[in-house]
């Protein structure tokens, strides 16, 4: 039997928790500019499934790739790394 590929894991900050069982997570990364060789910030917004509604705005969370759960949701919250102050 063939081994399945590893699922992607990302860490980000919750920016919206207004939906039921869903949070919007912003993942920031730094990439090197090809010409100027300076690091610039890029960010991606992911809708993630939060079954327990435990995440609040400002929390740092870890999300993992999963099957499509709705039109825009393809990620699940694994754990809350740090609660908002």
PDB file of N, CA and C in Angstrom:
ATOM      1  N   UNK A   1       0.833  -1.188   0.000  1.00  0.00           N
ATOM      2  CA  UNK A   1       0.000   0.000   0.000  1.00  0.00           C
ATOM      3  C   UNK A   1       0.875   1.249   0.000  1.00  0.00           C
ATOM      4  N   UNK A   2       0.472   2.259  -0.764  1.00  0.00           N
ATOM      5  CA  UNK A   2       1.264   3.482  -0.891  1.00  0.00           C
ATOM      6  C   UNK A   2       1.069   4.400   0.305  1.00  0.00           C
ATOM      7  N   UNK A   3       2.162   5.007   0.764  1.00  0.00           N
ATOM      8  CA  UNK A   3       2.126   5.943   1.882  1.00  0.00           C
ATOM      9  C   UNK A   3       1.511   7.259   1.422  1.00  0.00           C
ATOM     10  N   UNK A   4       0.620   7.823   2.228  1.00  0.00           N
ATOM     11  CA  UNK A   4       0.037   9.117   1.888  1.00  0.00           C
ATOM     12  C   UNK A   4       1.002  10.232   2.224  1.00  0.00           C
ATOM     13  N   UNK A   5       0.904  11.342   1.511  1.00  0.00           N
ATOM     14  CA  UNK A   5       1.780  12.490   1.761  1.00  0.00           C
ATOM     15  C   UNK A   5       1.471  13.151   3.092  1.00  0.00           C
ATOM     16  N   UNK A   6       2.421  13.905   3.581  1.00  0.00           N
ATOM     17  CA  UNK A   6       2.229  14.621   4.846  1.00  0.00           C
ATOM     18  C   UNK A   6       1.280  15.788   4.619  1.00  0.00           C
ATOM     19  N   UNK A   7       0.403  16.031   5.581  1.00  0.00           N
ATOM     20  CA  UNK A   7      -0.499  17.171   5.495  1.00  0.00           C
ATOM     21  C   UNK A   7       0.231  18.424   5.947  1.00  0.00           C
ATOM     22  N   UNK A   8      -0.110  19.546   5.342  1.00  0.00           N
ATOM     23  CA  UNK A   8       0.541  20.802   5.685  1.00  0.00           C
ATOM     24  C   UNK A   8       0.042  21.298   7.037  1.00  0.00           C
ATOM     25  N   UNK A   9       0.956  21.832   7.822  1.00  0.00           N
ATOM     26  CA  UNK A   9       0.618  22.409   9.127  1.00  0.00           C
ATOM     27  C   UNK A   9       1.114  23.850   9.117  1.00  0.00           C
ATOM     28  N   UNK A  10       0.265  24.775   9.543  1.00  0.00           N
ATOM     29  CA  UNK A  10       0.628  26.187   9.581  1.00  0.00           C
ATOM     30  C   UNK A  10       0.283  26.763  10.942  1.00  0.00           C
ATOM     31  N   UNK A  11       0.951  27.860  11.298  1.00  0.00           N
ATOM     32  CA  UNK A  11       0.663  28.551  12.550  1.00  0.00           C
ATOM     33  C   UNK A  11       0.279  29.977  12.218  1.00  0.00           C
ATOM     34  N   UNK A  12      -0.786  30.480  12.815  1.00  0.00           N
ATOM     35  CA  UNK A  12      -1.244  31.830  12.501  1.00  0.00           C
ATOM     36  C   UNK A  12      -2.066  32.414  13.624  1.00  0.00           C
ATOM     37  N   UNK A  13      -2.616  33.594  13.359  1.00  0.00           N
ATOM     38  CA  UNK A  13      -3.381  34.340  14.353  1.00  0.00           C
ATOM     39  C   UNK A  13      -4.834  34.426  13.892  1.00  0.00           C
ATOM     40  N   UNK A  14      -5.766  34.205  14.822  1.00  0.00           N
ATOM     41  CA  UNK A  14      -7.194  34.283  14.513  1.00  0.00           C
ATOM     42  C   UNK A  14      -7.587  35.756  14.377  1.00  0.00           C
ATOM     43  N   UNK A  15      -8.191  36.105  13.239  1.00  0.00           N
ATOM     44  CA  UNK A  15      -8.624  37.485  13.028  1.00  0.00           C
ATOM     45  C   UNK A  15     -10.143  37.627  13.027  1.00  0.00           C
ATOM     46  N   UNK A  16     -10.872  36.508  12.934  1.00  0.00           N
ATOM     47  CA  UNK A  16     -12.330  36.565  12.985  1.00  0.00           C
ATOM     48  C   UNK A  16     -12.869  35.262  13.551  1.00  0.00           C
ATOM     49  N   UNK A  17     -13.850  35.392  14.451  1.00  0.00           N
ATOM     50  CA  UNK A  17     -14.508  34.202  15.011  1.00  0.00           C
ATOM     51  C   UNK A  17     -16.028  34.377  14.991  1.00  0.00           C
ATOM     52  N   UNK A  18     -16.523  35.136  14.046  1.00  0.00           N
ATOM     53  CA  UNK A  18     -17.942  35.482  14.005  1.00  0.00           C
ATOM     54  C   UNK A  18     -18.828  34.354  13.467  1.00  0.00           C
ATOM     55  N   UNK A  19     -18.247  33.377  12.781  1.00  0.00           N
ATOM     56  CA  UNK A  19     -19.046  32.289  12.224  1.00  0.00           C
ATOM     57  C   UNK A  19     -19.146  31.128  13.211  1.00  0.00           C
ATOM     58  N   UNK A  20     -20.140  30.288  13.006  1.00  0.00           N
ATOM     59  CA  UNK A  20     -20.277  29.106  13.850  1.00  0.00           C
ATOM     60  C   UNK A  20     -19.262  28.061  13.397  1.00  0.00           C
ATOM     61  N   UNK A  21     -18.503  27.540  14.349  1.00  0.00           N
ATOM     62  CA  UNK A  21     -17.527  26.467  14.103  1.00  0.00           C
ATOM     63  C   UNK A  21     -16.454  26.834  13.080  1.00  0.00           C
ATOM     64  N   UNK A  22     -16.250  28.106  12.802  1.00  0.00           N
ATOM     65  CA  UNK A  22     -15.259  28.529  11.809  1.00  0.00           C
ATOM     66  C   UNK A  22     -14.510  29.740  12.319  1.00  0.00           C
ATOM     67  N   UNK A  23     -13.201  29.749  12.087  1.00  0.00           N
ATOM     68  CA  UNK A  23     -12.383  30.923  12.387  1.00  0.00           C
ATOM     69  C   UNK A  23     -11.572  31.273  11.145  1.00  0.00           C
ATOM     70  N   UNK A  24     -11.219  32.545  11.020  1.00  0.00           N
ATOM     71  CA  UNK A  24     -10.349  32.984   9.935  1.00  0.00           C
ATOM     72  C   UNK A  24      -8.967  33.194  10.533  1.00  0.00           C
ATOM     73  N   UNK A  25      -7.978  32.506   9.965  1.00  0.00           N
ATOM     74  CA  UNK A  25      -6.611  32.532  10.486  1.00  0.00           C
ATOM     75  C   UNK A  25      -5.704  33.193   9.457  1.00  0.00           C
ATOM     76  N   UNK A  26      -4.909  34.173   9.894  1.00  0.00           N
ATOM     77  CA  UNK A  26      -3.937  34.823   9.021  1.00  0.00           C
ATOM     78  C   UNK A  26      -2.568  34.220   9.300  1.00  0.00           C
ATOM     79  N   UNK A  27      -1.947  33.681   8.249  1.00  0.00           N
ATOM     80  CA  UNK A  27      -0.618  33.092   8.354  1.00  0.00           C
ATOM     81  C   UNK A  27       0.354  34.037   7.645  1.00  0.00           C
ATOM     82  N   UNK A  28       1.344  34.527   8.382  1.00  0.00           N
ATOM     83  CA  UNK A  28       2.328  35.450   7.824  1.00  0.00           C
ATOM     84  C   UNK A  28       3.631  34.702   7.571  1.00  0.00           C
ATOM     85  N   UNK A  29       4.247  34.957   6.426  1.00  0.00           N
ATOM     86  CA  UNK A  29       5.530  34.353   6.103  1.00  0.00           C
ATOM     87  C   UNK A  29       6.418  35.418   5.491  1.00  0.00           C
ATOM     88  N   UNK A  30       7.718  35.188   5.527  1.00  0.00           N
ATOM     89  CA  UNK A  30       8.669  36.119   4.933  1.00  0.00           C
ATOM     90  C   UNK A  30       9.309  35.461   3.719  1.00  0.00           C
ATOM     91  N   UNK A  31       9.330  36.181   2.600  1.00  0.00           N
ATOM     92  CA  UNK A  31       9.953  35.669   1.383  1.00  0.00           C
ATOM     93  C   UNK A  31      11.023  36.650   0.925  1.00  0.00           C
ATOM     94  N   UNK A  32      12.030  36.127   0.287  1.00  0.00           N
ATOM     95  CA  UNK A  32      13.122  36.947  -0.210  1.00  0.00           C
ATOM     96  C   UNK A  32      12.749  37.517  -1.572  1.00  0.00           C
ATOM     97  N   UNK A  33      12.857  38.831  -1.717  1.00  0.00           N
ATOM     98  CA  UNK A  33      12.555  39.458  -2.997  1.00  0.00           C
ATOM     99  C   UNK A  33      13.626  39.040  -4.016  1.00  0.00           C
ATOM    100  N   UNK A  34      13.210  38.589  -5.206  1.00  0.00           N
ATOM    101  CA  UNK A  34      14.184  38.039  -6.150  1.00  0.00           C
ATOM    102  C   UNK A  34      15.230  39.048  -6.634  1.00  0.00           C
ATOM    103  N   UNK A  35      14.847  40.299  -6.786  1.00  0.00           N
ATOM    104  CA  UNK A  35      15.803  41.271  -7.301  1.00  0.00           C
ATOM    105  C   UNK A  35      16.510  42.029  -6.179  1.00  0.00           C
ATOM    106  N   UNK A  36      15.757  42.498  -5.192  1.00  0.00           N
ATOM    107  CA  UNK A  36      16.331  43.388  -4.184  1.00  0.00           C
ATOM    108  C   UNK A  36      16.895  42.659  -2.966  1.00  0.00           C
ATOM    109  N   UNK A  37      16.662  41.375  -2.873  1.00  0.00           N
ATOM    110  CA  UNK A  37      17.208  40.537  -1.800  1.00  0.00           C
ATOM    111  C   UNK A  37      16.879  41.070  -0.417  1.00  0.00           C
ATOM    112  N   UNK A  38      15.670  41.588  -0.286  1.00  0.00           N
ATOM    113  CA  UNK A  38      15.175  41.995   1.028  1.00  0.00           C
ATOM    114  C   UNK A  38      14.007  41.076   1.365  1.00  0.00           C
ATOM    115  N   UNK A  39      13.815  40.829   2.643  1.00  0.00           N
ATOM    116  CA  UNK A  39      12.694  40.007   3.058  1.00  0.00           C
ATOM    117  C   UNK A  39      11.441  40.860   3.114  1.00  0.00           C
ATOM    118  N   UNK A  40      10.374  40.355   2.494  1.00  0.00           N
ATOM    119  CA  UNK A  40       9.091  41.043   2.528  1.00  0.00           C
ATOM    120  C   UNK A  40       8.054  40.106   3.111  1.00  0.00           C
ATOM    121  N   UNK A  41       7.045  40.678   3.762  1.00  0.00           N
ATOM    122  CA  UNK A  41       6.017  39.870   4.415  1.00  0.00           C
ATOM    123  C   UNK A  41       4.890  39.564   3.454  1.00  0.00           C
ATOM    124  N   UNK A  42       4.497  38.315   3.429  1.00  0.00           N
ATOM    125  CA  UNK A  42       3.332  37.872   2.678  1.00  0.00           C
ATOM    126  C   UNK A  42       2.376  37.238   3.672  1.00  0.00           C
ATOM    127  N   UNK A  43       1.074  37.376   3.431  1.00  0.00           N
ATOM    128  CA  UNK A  43       0.127  36.760   4.350  1.00  0.00           C
ATOM    129  C   UNK A  43      -0.977  36.054   3.578  1.00  0.00           C
ATOM    130  N   UNK A  44      -1.480  34.995   4.176  1.00  0.00           N
ATOM    131  CA  UNK A  44      -2.572  34.223   3.603  1.00  0.00           C
ATOM    132  C   UNK A  44      -3.662  34.095   4.647  1.00  0.00           C
ATOM    133  N   UNK A  45      -4.901  34.144   4.191  1.00  0.00           N
ATOM    134  CA  UNK A  45      -6.051  33.979   5.096  1.00  0.00           C
ATOM    135  C   UNK A  45      -6.671  32.610   4.840  1.00  0.00           C
ATOM    136  N   UNK A  46      -6.818  31.839   5.895  1.00  0.00           N
ATOM    137  CA  UNK A  46      -7.426  30.517   5.782  1.00  0.00           C
ATOM    138  C   UNK A  46      -8.660  30.450   6.662  1.00  0.00           C
ATOM    139  N   UNK A  47      -9.721  29.833   6.145  1.00  0.00           N
ATOM    140  CA  UNK A  47     -10.872  29.527   6.972  1.00  0.00           C
ATOM    141  C   UNK A  47     -10.636  28.140   7.552  1.00  0.00           C
ATOM    142  N   UNK A  48     -10.732  28.047   8.869  1.00  0.00           N
ATOM    143  CA  UNK A  48     -10.432  26.781   9.539  1.00  0.00           C
ATOM    144  C   UNK A  48     -11.604  26.349  10.408  1.00  0.00           C
ATOM    145  N   UNK A  49     -11.798  25.042  10.492  1.00  0.00           N
ATOM    146  CA  UNK A  49     -12.886  24.469  11.283  1.00  0.00           C
ATOM    147  C   UNK A  49     -12.496  24.398  12.754  1.00  0.00           C
ATOM    148  N   UNK A  50     -13.316  24.978  13.603  1.00  0.00           N
ATOM    149  CA  UNK A  50     -13.094  24.980  15.047  1.00  0.00           C
ATOM    150  C   UNK A  50     -14.341  24.400  15.695  1.00  0.00           C
ATOM    151  N   UNK A  51     -14.376  23.083  15.848  1.00  0.00           N
ATOM    152  CA  UNK A  51     -15.584  22.384  16.288  1.00  0.00           C
ATOM    153  C   UNK A  51     -16.043  22.805  17.676  1.00  0.00           C
ATOM    154  N   UNK A  52     -15.103  23.134  18.563  1.00  0.00           N
ATOM    155  CA  UNK A  52     -15.471  23.458  19.947  1.00  0.00           C
ATOM    156  C   UNK A  52     -15.696  24.946  20.175  1.00  0.00           C
ATOM    157  N   UNK A  53     -15.524  25.766  19.157  1.00  0.00           N
ATOM    158  CA  UNK A  53     -15.641  27.228  19.281  1.00  0.00           C
ATOM    159  C   UNK A  53     -14.752  27.767  20.393  1.00  0.00           C
ATOM    160  N   UNK A  54     -13.554  27.217  20.544  1.00  0.00           N
ATOM    161  CA  UNK A  54     -12.644  27.609  21.623  1.00  0.00           C
ATOM    162  C   UNK A  54     -11.778  28.806  21.253  1.00  0.00           C
ATOM    163  N   UNK A  55     -11.585  29.058  19.974  1.00  0.00           N
ATOM    164  CA  UNK A  55     -10.671  30.120  19.535  1.00  0.00           C
ATOM    165  C   UNK A  55     -11.352  31.479  19.564  1.00  0.00           C
ATOM    166  N   UNK A  56     -10.603  32.471  20.004  1.00  0.00           N
ATOM    167  CA  UNK A  56     -11.071  33.857  20.011  1.00  0.00           C
ATOM    168  C   UNK A  56     -10.106  34.703  19.201  1.00  0.00           C
ATOM    169  N   UNK A  57     -10.518  35.920  18.870  1.00  0.00           N
ATOM    170  CA  UNK A  57      -9.681  36.834  18.079  1.00  0.00           C
ATOM    171  C   UNK A  57      -8.390  37.125  18.840  1.00  0.00           C
ATOM    172  N   UNK A  58      -7.265  37.010  18.133  1.00  0.00           N
ATOM    173  CA  UNK A  58      -5.965  37.272  18.737  1.00  0.00           C
ATOM    174  C   UNK A  58      -5.227  36.022  19.187  1.00  0.00           C
ATOM    175  N   UNK A  59      -5.911  34.891  19.256  1.00  0.00           N
ATOM    176  CA  UNK A  59      -5.256  33.641  19.652  1.00  0.00           C
ATOM    177  C   UNK A  59      -4.299  33.181  18.557  1.00  0.00           C
ATOM    178  N   UNK A  60      -3.162  32.619  18.962  1.00  0.00           N
ATOM    179  CA  UNK A  60      -2.235  31.988  18.011  1.00  0.00           C
ATOM    180  C   UNK A  60      -2.605  30.512  17.967  1.00  0.00           C
ATOM    181  N   UNK A  61      -2.907  30.001  16.766  1.00  0.00           N
ATOM    182  CA  UNK A  61      -3.373  28.624  16.615  1.00  0.00           C
ATOM    183  C   UNK A  61      -2.544  27.883  15.577  1.00  0.00           C
ATOM    184  N   UNK A  62      -2.632  26.563  15.647  1.00  0.00           N
ATOM    185  CA  UNK A  62      -1.996  25.696  14.663  1.00  0.00           C
ATOM    186  C   UNK A  62      -3.115  25.040  13.867  1.00  0.00           C
ATOM    187  N   UNK A  63      -3.009  25.091  12.524  1.00  0.00           N
ATOM    188  CA  UNK A  63      -4.031  24.503  11.674  1.00  0.00           C
ATOM    189  C   UNK A  63      -3.399  23.445  10.772  1.00  0.00           C
ATOM    190  N   UNK A  64      -4.224  22.480  10.355  1.00  0.00           N
ATOM    191  CA  UNK A  64      -3.749  21.389   9.502  1.00  0.00           C
ATOM    192  C   UNK A  64      -4.693  21.255   8.314  1.00  0.00           C
ATOM    193  N   UNK A  65      -4.118  20.861   7.189  1.00  0.00           N
ATOM    194  CA  UNK A  65      -4.861  20.653   5.964  1.00  0.00           C
ATOM    195  C   UNK A  65      -5.824  19.472   6.145  1.00  0.00           C
ATOM    196  N   UNK A  66      -6.999  19.544   5.521  1.00  0.00           N
ATOM    197  CA  UNK A  66      -7.934  18.417   5.583  1.00  0.00           C
ATOM    198  C   UNK A  66      -8.802  18.413   4.329  1.00  0.00           C
ATOM    199  N   UNK A  67      -9.737  17.502   4.270  1.00  0.00           N
ATOM    200  CA  UNK A  67     -10.642  17.417   3.122  1.00  0.00           C
ATOM    201  C   UNK A  67     -11.525  18.662   3.086  1.00  0.00           C
ATOM    202  N   UNK A  68     -12.123  18.982   1.951  1.00  0.00           N
ATOM    203  CA  UNK A  68     -13.009  20.143   1.898  1.00  0.00           C
ATOM    204  C   UNK A  68     -14.209  19.970   2.824  1.00  0.00           C
ATOM    205  N   UNK A  69     -14.404  20.934   3.724  1.00  0.00           N
ATOM    206  CA  UNK A  69     -15.514  20.877   4.667  1.00  0.00           C
ATOM    207  C   UNK A  69     -16.672  21.758   4.211  1.00  0.00           C
ATOM    208  N   UNK A  70     -16.368  22.764   3.398  1.00  0.00           N
ATOM    209  CA  UNK A  70     -17.394  23.615   2.805  1.00  0.00           C
ATOM    210  C   UNK A  70     -16.773  24.277   1.583  1.00  0.00           C
ATOM    211  N   UNK A  71     -17.437  25.301   1.051  1.00  0.00           N
ATOM    212  CA  UNK A  71     -16.932  25.964  -0.151  1.00  0.00           C
ATOM    213  C   UNK A  71     -15.527  26.514   0.057  1.00  0.00           C
ATOM    214  N   UNK A  72     -15.251  27.110   1.221  1.00  0.00           N
ATOM    215  CA  UNK A  72     -13.965  27.756   1.464  1.00  0.00           C
ATOM    216  C   UNK A  72     -13.107  27.104   2.541  1.00  0.00           C
ATOM    217  N   UNK A  73     -13.669  26.158   3.293  1.00  0.00           N
ATOM    218  CA  UNK A  73     -12.938  25.565   4.423  1.00  0.00           C
ATOM    219  C   UNK A  73     -12.204  24.299   4.018  1.00  0.00           C
ATOM    220  N   UNK A  74     -10.855  24.345   4.139  1.00  0.00           N
ATOM    221  CA  UNK A  74     -10.019  23.172   3.860  1.00  0.00           C
ATOM    222  C   UNK A  74      -9.000  22.949   4.958  1.00  0.00           C
ATOM    223  N   UNK A  75      -9.165  23.595   6.103  1.00  0.00           N
ATOM    224  CA  UNK A  75      -8.227  23.505   7.214  1.00  0.00           C
ATOM    225  C   UNK A  75      -8.994  23.263   8.503  1.00  0.00           C
ATOM    226  N   UNK A  76      -8.316  22.646   9.487  1.00  0.00           N
ATOM    227  CA  UNK A  76      -8.881  22.382  10.807  1.00  0.00           C
ATOM    228  C   UNK A  76      -7.941  22.925  11.863  1.00  0.00           C
ATOM    229  N   UNK A  77      -8.493  23.413  12.967  1.00  0.00           N
ATOM    230  CA  UNK A  77      -7.664  23.880  14.080  1.00  0.00           C
ATOM    231  C   UNK A  77      -7.213  22.660  14.867  1.00  0.00           C
ATOM    232  N   UNK A  78      -5.880  22.503  15.049  1.00  0.00           N
ATOM    233  CA  UNK A  78      -5.355  21.398  15.839  1.00  0.00           C
ATOM    234  C   UNK A  78      -5.338  21.797  17.311  1.00  0.00           C
ATOM    235  N   UNK A  79      -4.718  22.954  17.594  1.00  0.00           N
ATOM    236  CA  UNK A  79      -4.582  23.374  18.991  1.00  0.00           C
ATOM    237  C   UNK A  79      -4.384  24.878  19.064  1.00  0.00           C
ATOM    238  N   UNK A  80      -4.681  25.411  20.238  1.00  0.00           N
ATOM    239  CA  UNK A  80      -4.423  26.822  20.523  1.00  0.00           C
ATOM    240  C   UNK A  80      -3.024  26.894  21.147  1.00  0.00           C
ATOM    241  N   UNK A  81      -2.098  27.552  20.455  1.00  0.00           N
ATOM    242  CA  UNK A  81      -0.720  27.634  20.925  1.00  0.00           C
ATOM    243  C   UNK A  81      -0.621  28.664  22.044  1.00  0.00           C
ATOM    244  N   UNK A  82      -1.289  29.805  21.854  1.00  0.00           N
ATOM    245  CA  UNK A  82      -1.211  30.899  22.825  1.00  0.00           C
ATOM    246  C   UNK A  82      -2.516  31.660  22.818  1.00  0.00           C
ATOM    247  N   UNK A  83      -3.091  31.877  24.007  1.00  0.00           N
ATOM    248  CA  UNK A  83      -4.333  32.635  24.120  1.00  0.00           C
ATOM    249  C   UNK A  83      -4.036  34.128  23.996  1.00  0.00           C
ATOM    250  N   UNK A  84      -5.031  34.889  23.530  1.00  0.00           N
ATOM    251  CA  UNK A  84      -4.877  36.336  23.408  1.00  0.00           C
ATOM    252  C   UNK A  84      -4.789  36.967  24.794  1.00  0.00           C
ATOM    253  N   UNK A  85      -4.014  38.032  24.892  1.00  0.00           N
ATOM    254  CA  UNK A  85      -3.835  38.699  26.187  1.00  0.00           C
ATOM    255  C   UNK A  85      -5.080  39.459  26.596  1.00  0.00           C
TER     256      UNK A  85
END
